[in-house]
């Protein structure tokens, strides 16, 4: 029998943390507001960042794997 002992790598743990972070929606917003609000310069976000083209383009960019081996 060939038994494999799978030990979690850093990437495995980061996926678990990311999923937990995404699932816990409301506390994340409150946490970020408390941390970022004192550091913010209270500036307006540029209009193009709110556009659907930019948001979906950024989403596609983040989901593509640029690490070809």
PDB file of N, CA and C in Angstrom:
ATOM      1  N   UNK A   1       0.832  -1.188   0.000  1.00  0.00           N
ATOM      2  CA  UNK A   1       0.000   0.000   0.000  1.00  0.00           C
ATOM      3  C   UNK A   1       0.871   1.244   0.000  1.00  0.00           C
ATOM      4  N   UNK A   2       0.422   2.185  -0.754  1.00  0.00           N
ATOM      5  CA  UNK A   2       1.151   3.442  -0.841  1.00  0.00           C
ATOM      6  C   UNK A   2       0.368   4.509  -0.074  1.00  0.00           C
ATOM      7  N   UNK A   3       0.841   4.842   1.109  1.00  0.00           N
ATOM      8  CA  UNK A   3       0.172   5.852   1.908  1.00  0.00           C
ATOM      9  C   UNK A   3       0.914   7.179   1.760  1.00  0.00           C
ATOM     10  N   UNK A   4       0.144   8.228   1.595  1.00  0.00           N
ATOM     11  CA  UNK A   4       0.759   9.544   1.520  1.00  0.00           C
ATOM     12  C   UNK A   4       0.309  10.355   2.719  1.00  0.00           C
ATOM     13  N   UNK A   5       1.225  11.014   3.335  1.00  0.00           N
ATOM     14  CA  UNK A   5       0.926  11.864   4.479  1.00  0.00           C
ATOM     15  C   UNK A   5       0.936  13.303   3.984  1.00  0.00           C
ATOM     16  N   UNK A   6      -0.241  13.877   3.847  1.00  0.00           N
ATOM     17  CA  UNK A   6      -0.344  15.231   3.313  1.00  0.00           C
ATOM     18  C   UNK A   6      -0.184  16.240   4.444  1.00  0.00           C
ATOM     19  N   UNK A   7       0.863  17.014   4.386  1.00  0.00           N
ATOM     20  CA  UNK A   7       1.022  18.097   5.348  1.00  0.00           C
ATOM     21  C   UNK A   7       0.612  19.391   4.651  1.00  0.00           C
ATOM     22  N   UNK A   8      -0.046  20.249   5.385  1.00  0.00           N
ATOM     23  CA  UNK A   8      -0.527  21.496   4.808  1.00  0.00           C
ATOM     24  C   UNK A   8       0.625  22.436   4.524  1.00  0.00           C
ATOM     25  N   UNK A   9       0.616  22.997   3.314  1.00  0.00           N
ATOM     26  CA  UNK A   9       1.620  23.983   2.936  1.00  0.00           C
ATOM     27  C   UNK A   9       1.068  25.376   3.220  1.00  0.00           C
ATOM     28  N   UNK A  10       1.885  26.371   3.041  1.00  0.00           N
ATOM     29  CA  UNK A  10       1.444  27.748   3.258  1.00  0.00           C
ATOM     30  C   UNK A  10       0.279  28.097   2.344  1.00  0.00           C
ATOM     31  N   UNK A  11       0.328  27.641   1.108  1.00  0.00           N
ATOM     32  CA  UNK A  11      -0.746  27.926   0.158  1.00  0.00           C
ATOM     33  C   UNK A  11      -2.064  27.311   0.617  1.00  0.00           C
ATOM     34  N   UNK A  12      -2.001  26.099   1.151  1.00  0.00           N
ATOM     35  CA  UNK A  12      -3.217  25.464   1.670  1.00  0.00           C
ATOM     36  C   UNK A  12      -3.830  26.291   2.791  1.00  0.00           C
ATOM     37  N   UNK A  13      -3.003  26.758   3.701  1.00  0.00           N
ATOM     38  CA  UNK A  13      -3.514  27.565   4.817  1.00  0.00           C
ATOM     39  C   UNK A  13      -4.066  28.905   4.336  1.00  0.00           C
ATOM     40  N   UNK A  14      -3.429  29.508   3.344  1.00  0.00           N
ATOM     41  CA  UNK A  14      -3.918  30.786   2.830  1.00  0.00           C
ATOM     42  C   UNK A  14      -5.297  30.642   2.196  1.00  0.00           C
ATOM     43  N   UNK A  15      -5.548  29.518   1.511  1.00  0.00           N
ATOM     44  CA  UNK A  15      -6.883  29.284   0.944  1.00  0.00           C
ATOM     45  C   UNK A  15      -7.926  29.166   2.049  1.00  0.00           C
ATOM     46  N   UNK A  16      -7.590  28.479   3.131  1.00  0.00           N
ATOM     47  CA  UNK A  16      -8.522  28.333   4.250  1.00  0.00           C
ATOM     48  C   UNK A  16      -8.803  29.692   4.877  1.00  0.00           C
ATOM     49  N   UNK A  17      -7.763  30.487   5.079  1.00  0.00           N
ATOM     50  CA  UNK A  17      -7.934  31.821   5.662  1.00  0.00           C
ATOM     51  C   UNK A  17      -8.753  32.710   4.735  1.00  0.00           C
ATOM     52  N   UNK A  18      -8.487  32.648   3.423  1.00  0.00           N
ATOM     53  CA  UNK A  18      -9.239  33.450   2.459  1.00  0.00           C
ATOM     54  C   UNK A  18     -10.725  33.096   2.482  1.00  0.00           C
ATOM     55  N   UNK A  19     -11.034  31.808   2.493  1.00  0.00           N
ATOM     56  CA  UNK A  19     -12.441  31.395   2.536  1.00  0.00           C
ATOM     57  C   UNK A  19     -13.118  31.869   3.816  1.00  0.00           C
ATOM     58  N   UNK A  20     -12.435  31.751   4.939  1.00  0.00           N
ATOM     59  CA  UNK A  20     -12.996  32.247   6.199  1.00  0.00           C
ATOM     60  C   UNK A  20     -13.219  33.744   6.165  1.00  0.00           C
ATOM     61  N   UNK A  21     -12.283  34.456   5.564  1.00  0.00           N
ATOM     62  CA  UNK A  21     -12.380  35.910   5.450  1.00  0.00           C
ATOM     63  C   UNK A  21     -13.563  36.314   4.569  1.00  0.00           C
ATOM     64  N   UNK A  22     -13.772  35.591   3.478  1.00  0.00           N
ATOM     65  CA  UNK A  22     -14.875  35.910   2.571  1.00  0.00           C
ATOM     66  C   UNK A  22     -16.235  35.549   3.156  1.00  0.00           C
ATOM     67  N   UNK A  23     -16.305  34.479   3.919  1.00  0.00           N
ATOM     68  CA  UNK A  23     -17.564  34.039   4.505  1.00  0.00           C
ATOM     69  C   UNK A  23     -18.016  34.964   5.625  1.00  0.00           C
ATOM     70  N   UNK A  24     -17.088  35.562   6.334  1.00  0.00           N
ATOM     71  CA  UNK A  24     -17.431  36.379   7.504  1.00  0.00           C
ATOM     72  C   UNK A  24     -17.721  37.833   7.155  1.00  0.00           C
ATOM     73  N   UNK A  25     -18.406  38.102   6.065  1.00  0.00           N
ATOM     74  CA  UNK A  25     -18.662  39.422   5.501  1.00  0.00           C
ATOM     75  C   UNK A  25     -18.781  40.602   6.435  1.00  0.00           C
ATOM     76  N   UNK A  26     -19.795  40.636   7.351  1.00  0.00           N
ATOM     77  CA  UNK A  26     -20.032  41.866   8.166  1.00  0.00           C
ATOM     78  C   UNK A  26     -18.888  42.233   9.074  1.00  0.00           C
ATOM     79  N   UNK A  27     -18.296  41.312   9.863  1.00  0.00           N
ATOM     80  CA  UNK A  27     -17.198  41.729  10.736  1.00  0.00           C
ATOM     81  C   UNK A  27     -16.006  42.259   9.958  1.00  0.00           C
ATOM     82  N   UNK A  28     -15.803  41.756   8.735  1.00  0.00           N
ATOM     83  CA  UNK A  28     -14.682  42.222   7.924  1.00  0.00           C
ATOM     84  C   UNK A  28     -14.829  43.707   7.619  1.00  0.00           C
ATOM     85  N   UNK A  29     -16.029  44.138   7.249  1.00  0.00           N
ATOM     86  CA  UNK A  29     -16.251  45.546   6.942  1.00  0.00           C
ATOM     87  C   UNK A  29     -16.029  46.439   8.142  1.00  0.00           C
ATOM     88  N   UNK A  30     -16.496  46.009   9.284  1.00  0.00           N
ATOM     89  CA  UNK A  30     -16.311  46.786  10.509  1.00  0.00           C
ATOM     90  C   UNK A  30     -14.834  46.873  10.872  1.00  0.00           C
ATOM     91  N   UNK A  31     -14.125  45.774  10.755  1.00  0.00           N
ATOM     92  CA  UNK A  31     -12.701  45.742  11.062  1.00  0.00           C
ATOM     93  C   UNK A  31     -11.929  46.678  10.152  1.00  0.00           C
ATOM     94  N   UNK A  32     -12.206  46.591   8.852  1.00  0.00           N
ATOM     95  CA  UNK A  32     -11.492  47.448   7.908  1.00  0.00           C
ATOM     96  C   UNK A  32     -11.814  48.920   8.141  1.00  0.00           C
ATOM     97  N   UNK A  33     -13.071  49.231   8.498  1.00  0.00           N
ATOM     98  CA  UNK A  33     -13.437  50.617   8.759  1.00  0.00           C
ATOM     99  C   UNK A  33     -12.658  51.170   9.950  1.00  0.00           C
ATOM    100  N   UNK A  34     -12.479  50.348  10.972  1.00  0.00           N
ATOM    101  CA  UNK A  34     -11.746  50.812  12.168  1.00  0.00           C
ATOM    102  C   UNK A  34     -10.261  50.967  11.894  1.00  0.00           C
ATOM    103  N   UNK A  35      -9.710  50.127  11.034  1.00  0.00           N
ATOM    104  CA  UNK A  35      -8.276  50.193  10.744  1.00  0.00           C
ATOM    105  C   UNK A  35      -7.955  51.263   9.703  1.00  0.00           C
ATOM    106  N   UNK A  36      -8.740  51.327   8.635  1.00  0.00           N
ATOM    107  CA  UNK A  36      -8.425  52.214   7.524  1.00  0.00           C
ATOM    108  C   UNK A  36      -8.905  53.650   7.757  1.00  0.00           C
ATOM    109  N   UNK A  37      -9.991  53.829   8.478  1.00  0.00           N
ATOM    110  CA  UNK A  37     -10.550  55.169   8.664  1.00  0.00           C
ATOM    111  C   UNK A  37      -9.548  56.166   9.252  1.00  0.00           C
ATOM    112  N   UNK A  38      -8.799  55.819  10.290  1.00  0.00           N
ATOM    113  CA  UNK A  38      -7.820  56.796  10.806  1.00  0.00           C
ATOM    114  C   UNK A  38      -6.686  57.095   9.823  1.00  0.00           C
ATOM    115  N   UNK A  39      -6.397  56.166   8.908  1.00  0.00           N
ATOM    116  CA  UNK A  39      -5.307  56.359   7.956  1.00  0.00           C
ATOM    117  C   UNK A  39      -5.745  57.064   6.675  1.00  0.00           C
ATOM    118  N   UNK A  40      -7.045  57.153   6.471  1.00  0.00           N
ATOM    119  CA  UNK A  40      -7.575  57.682   5.223  1.00  0.00           C
ATOM    120  C   UNK A  40      -7.429  59.199   5.141  1.00  0.00           C
ATOM    121  N   UNK A  41      -7.229  59.681   3.905  1.00  0.00           N
ATOM    122  CA  UNK A  41      -7.191  61.129   3.678  1.00  0.00           C
ATOM    123  C   UNK A  41      -8.563  61.659   3.277  1.00  0.00           C
ATOM    124  N   UNK A  42      -9.574  60.819   3.322  1.00  0.00           N
ATOM    125  CA  UNK A  42     -10.966  61.170   3.026  1.00  0.00           C
ATOM    126  C   UNK A  42     -11.153  61.694   1.603  1.00  0.00           C
ATOM    127  N   UNK A  43     -10.320  61.215   0.688  1.00  0.00           N
ATOM    128  CA  UNK A  43     -10.428  61.634  -0.705  1.00  0.00           C
ATOM    129  C   UNK A  43     -11.512  60.865  -1.438  1.00  0.00           C
ATOM    130  N   UNK A  44     -11.945  61.405  -2.560  1.00  0.00           N
ATOM    131  CA  UNK A  44     -12.934  60.715  -3.379  1.00  0.00           C
ATOM    132  C   UNK A  44     -12.251  59.684  -4.265  1.00  0.00           C
ATOM    133  N   UNK A  45     -12.936  58.571  -4.472  1.00  0.00           N
ATOM    134  CA  UNK A  45     -12.426  57.519  -5.343  1.00  0.00           C
ATOM    135  C   UNK A  45     -12.651  57.949  -6.792  1.00  0.00           C
ATOM    136  N   UNK A  46     -11.664  57.787  -7.670  1.00  0.00           N
ATOM    137  CA  UNK A  46     -11.859  58.154  -9.077  1.00  0.00           C
ATOM    138  C   UNK A  46     -13.036  57.392  -9.694  1.00  0.00           C
ATOM    139  N   UNK A  47     -13.764  58.042 -10.579  1.00  0.00           N
ATOM    140  CA  UNK A  47     -14.991  57.484 -11.150  1.00  0.00           C
ATOM    141  C   UNK A  47     -14.742  56.182 -11.914  1.00  0.00           C
ATOM    142  N   UNK A  48     -13.591  56.051 -12.584  1.00  0.00           N
ATOM    143  CA  UNK A  48     -13.364  54.852 -13.396  1.00  0.00           C
ATOM    144  C   UNK A  48     -13.258  53.591 -12.539  1.00  0.00           C
ATOM    145  N   UNK A  49     -12.891  53.717 -11.279  1.00  0.00           N
ATOM    146  CA  UNK A  49     -12.781  52.542 -10.408  1.00  0.00           C
ATOM    147  C   UNK A  49     -14.155  51.937 -10.127  1.00  0.00           C
ATOM    148  N   UNK A  50     -15.184  52.745 -10.132  1.00  0.00           N
ATOM    149  CA  UNK A  50     -16.534  52.242  -9.897  1.00  0.00           C
ATOM    150  C   UNK A  50     -17.199  51.666 -11.133  1.00  0.00           C
ATOM    151  N   UNK A  51     -16.562  51.779 -12.288  1.00  0.00           N
ATOM    152  CA  UNK A  51     -17.180  51.284 -13.522  1.00  0.00           C
ATOM    153  C   UNK A  51     -17.162  49.757 -13.561  1.00  0.00           C
ATOM    154  N   UNK A  52     -18.150  49.200 -14.235  1.00  0.00           N
ATOM    155  CA  UNK A  52     -18.241  47.746 -14.352  1.00  0.00           C
ATOM    156  C   UNK A  52     -17.058  47.182 -15.139  1.00  0.00           C
ATOM    157  N   UNK A  53     -16.623  47.897 -16.156  1.00  0.00           N
ATOM    158  CA  UNK A  53     -15.505  47.425 -16.971  1.00  0.00           C
ATOM    159  C   UNK A  53     -14.243  47.265 -16.121  1.00  0.00           C
ATOM    160  N   UNK A  54     -13.956  48.234 -15.297  1.00  0.00           N
ATOM    161  CA  UNK A  54     -12.766  48.164 -14.443  1.00  0.00           C
ATOM    162  C   UNK A  54     -12.885  47.033 -13.423  1.00  0.00           C
ATOM    163  N   UNK A  55     -14.038  46.935 -12.777  1.00  0.00           N
ATOM    164  CA  UNK A  55     -14.215  45.916 -11.732  1.00  0.00           C
ATOM    165  C   UNK A  55     -14.120  44.504 -12.309  1.00  0.00           C
ATOM    166  N   UNK A  56     -14.787  44.262 -13.437  1.00  0.00           N
ATOM    167  CA  UNK A  56     -14.731  42.934 -14.031  1.00  0.00           C
ATOM    168  C   UNK A  56     -13.363  42.647 -14.630  1.00  0.00           C
ATOM    169  N   UNK A  57     -12.724  43.658 -15.174  1.00  0.00           N
ATOM    170  CA  UNK A  57     -11.368  43.489 -15.689  1.00  0.00           C
ATOM    171  C   UNK A  57     -10.401  43.124 -14.577  1.00  0.00           C
ATOM    172  N   UNK A  58     -10.525  43.775 -13.430  1.00  0.00           N
ATOM    173  CA  UNK A  58      -9.678  43.460 -12.282  1.00  0.00           C
ATOM    174  C   UNK A  58      -9.958  42.051 -11.772  1.00  0.00           C
ATOM    175  N   UNK A  59     -11.218  41.661 -11.752  1.00  0.00           N
ATOM    176  CA  UNK A  59     -11.588  40.314 -11.327  1.00  0.00           C
ATOM    177  C   UNK A  59     -10.964  39.255 -12.238  1.00  0.00           C
ATOM    178  N   UNK A  60     -11.051  39.468 -13.534  1.00  0.00           N
ATOM    179  CA  UNK A  60     -10.449  38.519 -14.491  1.00  0.00           C
ATOM    180  C   UNK A  60      -8.936  38.479 -14.306  1.00  0.00           C
ATOM    181  N   UNK A  61      -8.317  39.631 -14.115  1.00  0.00           N
ATOM    182  CA  UNK A  61      -6.872  39.698 -13.900  1.00  0.00           C
ATOM    183  C   UNK A  61      -6.459  38.915 -12.657  1.00  0.00           C
ATOM    184  N   UNK A  62      -7.206  39.045 -11.583  1.00  0.00           N
ATOM    185  CA  UNK A  62      -6.867  38.357 -10.342  1.00  0.00           C
ATOM    186  C   UNK A  62      -7.069  36.846 -10.427  1.00  0.00           C
ATOM    187  N   UNK A  63      -8.026  36.409 -11.242  1.00  0.00           N
ATOM    188  CA  UNK A  63      -8.296  34.982 -11.346  1.00  0.00           C
ATOM    189  C   UNK A  63      -7.438  34.262 -12.389  1.00  0.00           C
ATOM    190  N   UNK A  64      -6.741  35.003 -13.228  1.00  0.00           N
ATOM    191  CA  UNK A  64      -5.895  34.343 -14.219  1.00  0.00           C
ATOM    192  C   UNK A  64      -4.562  33.978 -13.559  1.00  0.00           C
ATOM    193  N   UNK A  65      -4.022  32.888 -14.007  1.00  0.00           N
ATOM    194  CA  UNK A  65      -2.768  32.403 -13.438  1.00  0.00           C
ATOM    195  C   UNK A  65      -1.621  32.830 -14.352  1.00  0.00           C
ATOM    196  N   UNK A  66      -0.853  33.773 -13.895  1.00  0.00           N
ATOM    197  CA  UNK A  66       0.281  34.255 -14.687  1.00  0.00           C
ATOM    198  C   UNK A  66       1.555  33.501 -14.353  1.00  0.00           C
ATOM    199  N   UNK A  67       1.440  32.415 -13.639  1.00  0.00           N
ATOM    200  CA  UNK A  67       2.589  31.666 -13.190  1.00  0.00           C
ATOM    201  C   UNK A  67       2.747  30.410 -14.043  1.00  0.00           C
ATOM    202  N   UNK A  68       3.165  30.586 -15.282  1.00  0.00           N
ATOM    203  CA  UNK A  68       3.297  29.431 -16.182  1.00  0.00           C
ATOM    204  C   UNK A  68       4.647  28.763 -15.949  1.00  0.00           C
ATOM    205  N   UNK A  69       4.597  27.469 -15.704  1.00  0.00           N
ATOM    206  CA  UNK A  69       5.830  26.695 -15.444  1.00  0.00           C
ATOM    207  C   UNK A  69       5.932  25.582 -16.440  1.00  0.00           C
TER     208      UNK A  69
END
